[in-house]
Structure formats: C-alpha cells, structure tokens
Amino acid sequence: MTASQRYFIARIFLLTLGALTSATGVLIFLLPHQIAPSGVSGVGVILNSFSDGLLNL
C-alpha cells in the first residue's frame, strides 16, 4: 500500500468519523430540545418538526 493510498483511507475514515459525530450530536442534543442546526441538517430538523415525524427524516 502506497503512502497516497494510506492517506486517502485515513481521510475517508476521518470524514466518516466526523459525520457520525455530527449526526450523534444532532440526535442526542439538538432534536430533543427542538433546536435546528444550520444548513441542510437544520432544514431536515425543521421539516421533521412540522410534519410530526410523518416524513421519517
């Protein structure tokens, strides 16, 4: 395995870890208190709040 392949795998791993951390933060801290984060995830939280979970976002 070359150094560039190891670097690519490390970056993918860290991106995945960051996405999981962000999703966990939204699920555990923001959704129960009905706080909408910014960006696309905030739009999803707002739509879920207005539809009472009917959209299963």
Protein backbone atom coordinates (compact mmCIF):
# COMPACT_ATOMS: atom_id res chain seq x y z
CA MET A 1 0.00 0.00 0.00
CA THR A 2 1.48 3.31 -1.04
CA ALA A 3 1.56 6.45 1.06
CA SER A 4 -1.09 8.13 -1.08
CA GLN A 5 -3.45 5.17 -0.62
CA ARG A 6 -2.92 5.26 3.16
CA TYR A 7 -3.57 9.00 3.15
CA PHE A 8 -6.78 8.51 1.15
CA ILE A 9 -8.04 5.79 3.52
CA ALA A 10 -7.19 7.92 6.55
CA ARG A 11 -9.10 10.87 5.10
CA ILE A 12 -12.17 8.75 4.33
CA PHE A 13 -12.06 7.32 7.86
CA LEU A 14 -11.82 10.77 9.44
CA LEU A 15 -14.63 12.14 7.26
CA THR A 16 -16.85 9.22 8.26
CA LEU A 17 -15.97 9.70 11.93
CA GLY A 18 -16.79 13.41 11.68
CA ALA A 19 -20.14 12.71 10.00
CA LEU A 20 -21.05 10.17 12.69
CA THR A 21 -20.07 12.62 15.43
CA SER A 22 -22.18 15.36 13.86
CA ALA A 23 -25.19 13.06 13.45
CA THR A 24 -24.87 11.88 17.05
CA GLY A 25 -24.76 15.47 18.27
CA VAL A 26 -27.90 16.37 16.35
CA LEU A 27 -29.73 13.26 17.52
CA ILE A 28 -28.77 13.44 21.19
CA PHE A 29 -28.57 17.17 21.92
CA LEU A 30 -30.46 19.20 19.34
CA LEU A 31 -33.53 17.17 18.37
CA PRO A 32 -34.86 16.56 21.91
CA HIS A 33 -34.75 20.31 22.61
CA GLN A 34 -36.14 21.25 19.17
CA ILE A 35 -33.07 23.30 18.23
CA ALA A 36 -32.42 23.45 14.49
CA PRO A 37 -28.77 23.47 13.43
CA SER A 38 -27.70 25.43 10.38
CA GLY A 39 -27.51 24.04 6.87
CA VAL A 40 -29.20 21.06 5.29
CA SER A 41 -29.47 19.18 8.58
CA GLY A 42 -31.36 22.15 10.03
CA VAL A 43 -33.85 22.04 7.17
CA GLY A 44 -34.38 18.33 7.89
CA VAL A 45 -34.96 19.02 11.59
CA ILE A 46 -37.46 21.77 10.79
CA LEU A 47 -39.36 19.59 8.29
CA ASN A 48 -39.44 16.74 10.80
CA SER A 49 -40.74 19.09 13.49
CA PHE A 50 -43.53 20.47 11.30
CA SER A 51 -44.63 17.08 9.98
CA ASP A 52 -44.63 15.37 13.41
CA GLY A 53 -42.29 12.69 12.09
CA LEU A 54 -44.51 11.68 9.16
CA LEU A 55 -41.64 12.12 6.68
CA ASN A 56 -39.29 9.87 8.71
CA LEU A 57 -36.31 12.18 8.24
